[in-house]
Amino acid sequence: MFLSSKMLHLPKNALSLQHQSINNESLEQGTQLNEAQLSLLRLLGRMKTVEQVNELRQVISSYYAKKATEEMDALWESGEWSEEKNESVLKEHLRTPYQHARS
């Protein structure tokens, strides 16, 4: 295996699970993963290069970008989002006020 769990930002034991039957009980500290998460772990266990992992990240990113675009299109079409709302959000101040540390 060429990939380390550090490269994939996974728990240290996640890649060692590729040689085991991956199930919820085998994860440390009782972490419960759903079937989609387990499926992705199995897929990552088969990848041999960082390039393959980066390609998968790009595919997943593209998927979520497409879903976000579809949702925004639906909001525009339904009238729940408009140019006025867009401008309002752009002008909205959402940051938490900075508090200076006192010595």
C-alpha atoms as a PDB file:
ATOM      1  CA  MET A   1       0.000   0.000   0.000  1.00  0.00           C
ATOM      2  CA  PHE A   2       1.450   3.355  -1.033  1.00  0.00           C
ATOM      3  CA  LEU A   3      -0.977   5.607   0.810  1.00  0.00           C
ATOM      4  CA  SER A   4      -0.858   6.456   4.469  1.00  0.00           C
ATOM      5  CA  SER A   5      -3.801   7.391   6.639  1.00  0.00           C
ATOM      6  CA  LYS A   6      -2.127  10.778   7.145  1.00  0.00           C
ATOM      7  CA  MET A   7      -2.280  11.505   3.381  1.00  0.00           C
ATOM      8  CA  LEU A   8      -5.984  10.681   3.314  1.00  0.00           C
ATOM      9  CA  HIS A   9      -6.834  12.504   6.543  1.00  0.00           C
ATOM     10  CA  LEU A  10      -8.245   9.293   8.018  1.00  0.00           C
ATOM     11  CA  PRO A  11      -7.805   7.771  11.444  1.00  0.00           C
ATOM     12  CA  LYS A  12      -4.521   5.846  11.723  1.00  0.00           C
ATOM     13  CA  ASN A  13      -6.253   2.484  11.717  1.00  0.00           C
ATOM     14  CA  ALA A  14      -8.577   3.183   8.782  1.00  0.00           C
ATOM     15  CA  LEU A  15      -6.252   1.896   6.070  1.00  0.00           C
ATOM     16  CA  SER A  16      -5.398  -1.223   7.999  1.00  0.00           C
ATOM     17  CA  LEU A  17      -9.087  -2.088   7.820  1.00  0.00           C
ATOM     18  CA  GLN A  18      -8.737  -2.898   4.114  1.00  0.00           C
ATOM     19  CA  HIS A  19      -7.483  -6.368   5.004  1.00  0.00           C
ATOM     20  CA  GLN A  20     -10.337  -6.945   7.407  1.00  0.00           C
ATOM     21  CA  SER A  21     -14.031  -7.074   6.892  1.00  0.00           C
ATOM     22  CA  ILE A  22     -14.935  -3.428   7.459  1.00  0.00           C
ATOM     23  CA  ASN A  23     -17.865  -3.042   9.784  1.00  0.00           C
ATOM     24  CA  ASN A  24     -19.002  -0.665  12.481  1.00  0.00           C
ATOM     25  CA  GLU A  25     -17.763  -2.905  15.290  1.00  0.00           C
ATOM     26  CA  SER A  26     -14.185  -2.897  13.990  1.00  0.00           C
ATOM     27  CA  LEU A  27     -13.784   0.869  14.331  1.00  0.00           C
ATOM     28  CA  GLU A  28     -12.172   2.210  17.470  1.00  0.00           C
ATOM     29  CA  GLN A  29     -14.050   4.177  20.112  1.00  0.00           C
ATOM     30  CA  GLY A  30     -17.454   2.962  18.947  1.00  0.00           C
ATOM     31  CA  THR A  31     -17.598   5.295  15.939  1.00  0.00           C
ATOM     32  CA  GLN A  32     -20.635   4.406  13.860  1.00  0.00           C
ATOM     33  CA  LEU A  33     -20.295   4.810  10.107  1.00  0.00           C
ATOM     34  CA  ASN A  34     -23.154   4.498   7.664  1.00  0.00           C
ATOM     35  CA  GLU A  35     -23.032   2.256   4.596  1.00  0.00           C
ATOM     36  CA  ALA A  36     -21.951   5.104   2.283  1.00  0.00           C
ATOM     37  CA  GLN A  37     -18.986   5.941   4.547  1.00  0.00           C
ATOM     38  CA  LEU A  38     -17.981   2.285   4.789  1.00  0.00           C
ATOM     39  CA  SER A  39     -18.193   1.959   1.019  1.00  0.00           C
ATOM     40  CA  LEU A  40     -15.857   4.933   0.566  1.00  0.00           C
ATOM     41  CA  LEU A  41     -13.376   3.440   3.031  1.00  0.00           C
ATOM     42  CA  ARG A  42     -13.373   0.193   1.059  1.00  0.00           C
ATOM     43  CA  LEU A  43     -12.791   2.153  -2.145  1.00  0.00           C
ATOM     44  CA  LEU A  44      -9.928   4.147  -0.590  1.00  0.00           C
ATOM     45  CA  GLY A  45      -8.339   0.890   0.534  1.00  0.00           C
ATOM     46  CA  ARG A  46      -8.001  -0.189  -3.116  1.00  0.00           C
ATOM     47  CA  MET A  47      -6.307   3.016  -4.256  1.00  0.00           C
ATOM     48  CA  LYS A  48      -2.579   2.777  -4.827  1.00  0.00           C
ATOM     49  CA  THR A  49      -1.519   6.359  -5.534  1.00  0.00           C
ATOM     50  CA  VAL A  50      -2.144   9.855  -4.264  1.00  0.00           C
ATOM     51  CA  GLU A  51      -3.245  10.784  -7.786  1.00  0.00           C
ATOM     52  CA  GLN A  52      -6.091   8.278  -7.571  1.00  0.00           C
ATOM     53  CA  VAL A  53      -7.211   9.766  -4.267  1.00  0.00           C
ATOM     54  CA  ASN A  54      -7.045  13.275  -5.731  1.00  0.00           C
ATOM     55  CA  GLU A  55      -9.138  12.159  -8.705  1.00  0.00           C
ATOM     56  CA  LEU A  56     -11.767  10.726  -6.356  1.00  0.00           C
ATOM     57  CA  ARG A  57     -11.777  13.956  -4.339  1.00  0.00           C
ATOM     58  CA  GLN A  58     -12.385  15.882  -7.573  1.00  0.00           C
ATOM     59  CA  VAL A  59     -15.270  13.589  -8.541  1.00  0.00           C
ATOM     60  CA  ILE A  60     -16.866  13.990  -5.110  1.00  0.00           C
ATOM     61  CA  SER A  61     -16.340  17.768  -5.171  1.00  0.00           C
ATOM     62  CA  SER A  62     -17.919  17.978  -8.620  1.00  0.00           C
ATOM     63  CA  TYR A  63     -20.879  15.932  -7.419  1.00  0.00           C
ATOM     64  CA  TYR A  64     -21.567  18.287  -4.509  1.00  0.00           C
ATOM     65  CA  ALA A  65     -21.042  21.387  -6.670  1.00  0.00           C
ATOM     66  CA  LYS A  66     -23.618  20.029  -9.140  1.00  0.00           C
ATOM     67  CA  LYS A  67     -26.092  19.334  -6.316  1.00  0.00           C
ATOM     68  CA  ALA A  68     -25.623  22.857  -4.893  1.00  0.00           C
ATOM     69  CA  THR A  69     -26.169  24.386  -8.338  1.00  0.00           C
ATOM     70  CA  GLU A  70     -29.326  22.314  -8.846  1.00  0.00           C
ATOM     71  CA  GLU A  71     -30.662  23.407  -5.455  1.00  0.00           C
ATOM     72  CA  MET A  72     -29.937  27.092  -6.157  1.00  0.00           C
ATOM     73  CA  ASP A  73     -31.604  26.797  -9.570  1.00  0.00           C
ATOM     74  CA  ALA A  74     -34.680  25.312  -7.872  1.00  0.00           C
ATOM     75  CA  LEU A  75     -34.741  28.189  -5.340  1.00  0.00           C
ATOM     76  CA  TRP A  76     -34.547  30.772  -8.161  1.00  0.00           C
ATOM     77  CA  GLU A  77     -37.275  29.022 -10.161  1.00  0.00           C
ATOM     78  CA  SER A  78     -39.590  28.792  -7.144  1.00  0.00           C
ATOM     79  CA  GLY A  79     -39.095  32.456  -6.321  1.00  0.00           C
ATOM     80  CA  GLU A  80     -37.580  31.680  -2.911  1.00  0.00           C
ATOM     81  CA  TRP A  81     -34.323  33.320  -4.069  1.00  0.00           C
ATOM     82  CA  SER A  82     -34.017  36.566  -5.988  1.00  0.00           C
ATOM     83  CA  GLU A  83     -31.545  39.251  -6.965  1.00  0.00           C
ATOM     84  CA  GLU A  84     -32.667  41.290  -3.942  1.00  0.00           C
ATOM     85  CA  LYS A  85     -31.999  38.391  -1.588  1.00  0.00           C
ATOM     86  CA  ASN A  86     -28.637  37.877  -3.259  1.00  0.00           C
ATOM     87  CA  GLU A  87     -27.685  41.511  -2.617  1.00  0.00           C
ATOM     88  CA  SER A  88     -28.950  41.289   0.962  1.00  0.00           C
ATOM     89  CA  VAL A  89     -26.780  38.255   1.687  1.00  0.00           C
ATOM     90  CA  LEU A  90     -23.740  39.897   0.115  1.00  0.00           C
ATOM     91  CA  LYS A  91     -24.132  42.902   2.440  1.00  0.00           C
ATOM     92  CA  GLU A  92     -24.897  40.855   5.562  1.00  0.00           C
ATOM     93  CA  HIS A  93     -22.256  40.871   8.299  1.00  0.00           C
ATOM     94  CA  LEU A  94     -21.974  37.318   9.631  1.00  0.00           C
ATOM     95  CA  ARG A  95     -18.630  37.385  11.401  1.00  0.00           C
ATOM     96  CA  THR A  96     -18.316  36.978  15.124  1.00  0.00           C
ATOM     97  CA  PRO A  97     -17.028  40.211  16.640  1.00  0.00           C
ATOM     98  CA  TYR A  98     -13.304  40.021  17.353  1.00  0.00           C
ATOM     99  CA  GLN A  99     -12.491  40.321  21.033  1.00  0.00           C
ATOM    100  CA  HIS A 100      -9.032  41.568  21.883  1.00  0.00           C
ATOM    101  CA  ALA A 101      -7.134  39.374  24.313  1.00  0.00           C
ATOM    102  CA  ARG A 102      -6.365  41.195  27.523  1.00  0.00           C
ATOM    103  CA  SER A 103      -3.008  40.644  29.128  1.00  0.00           C
END
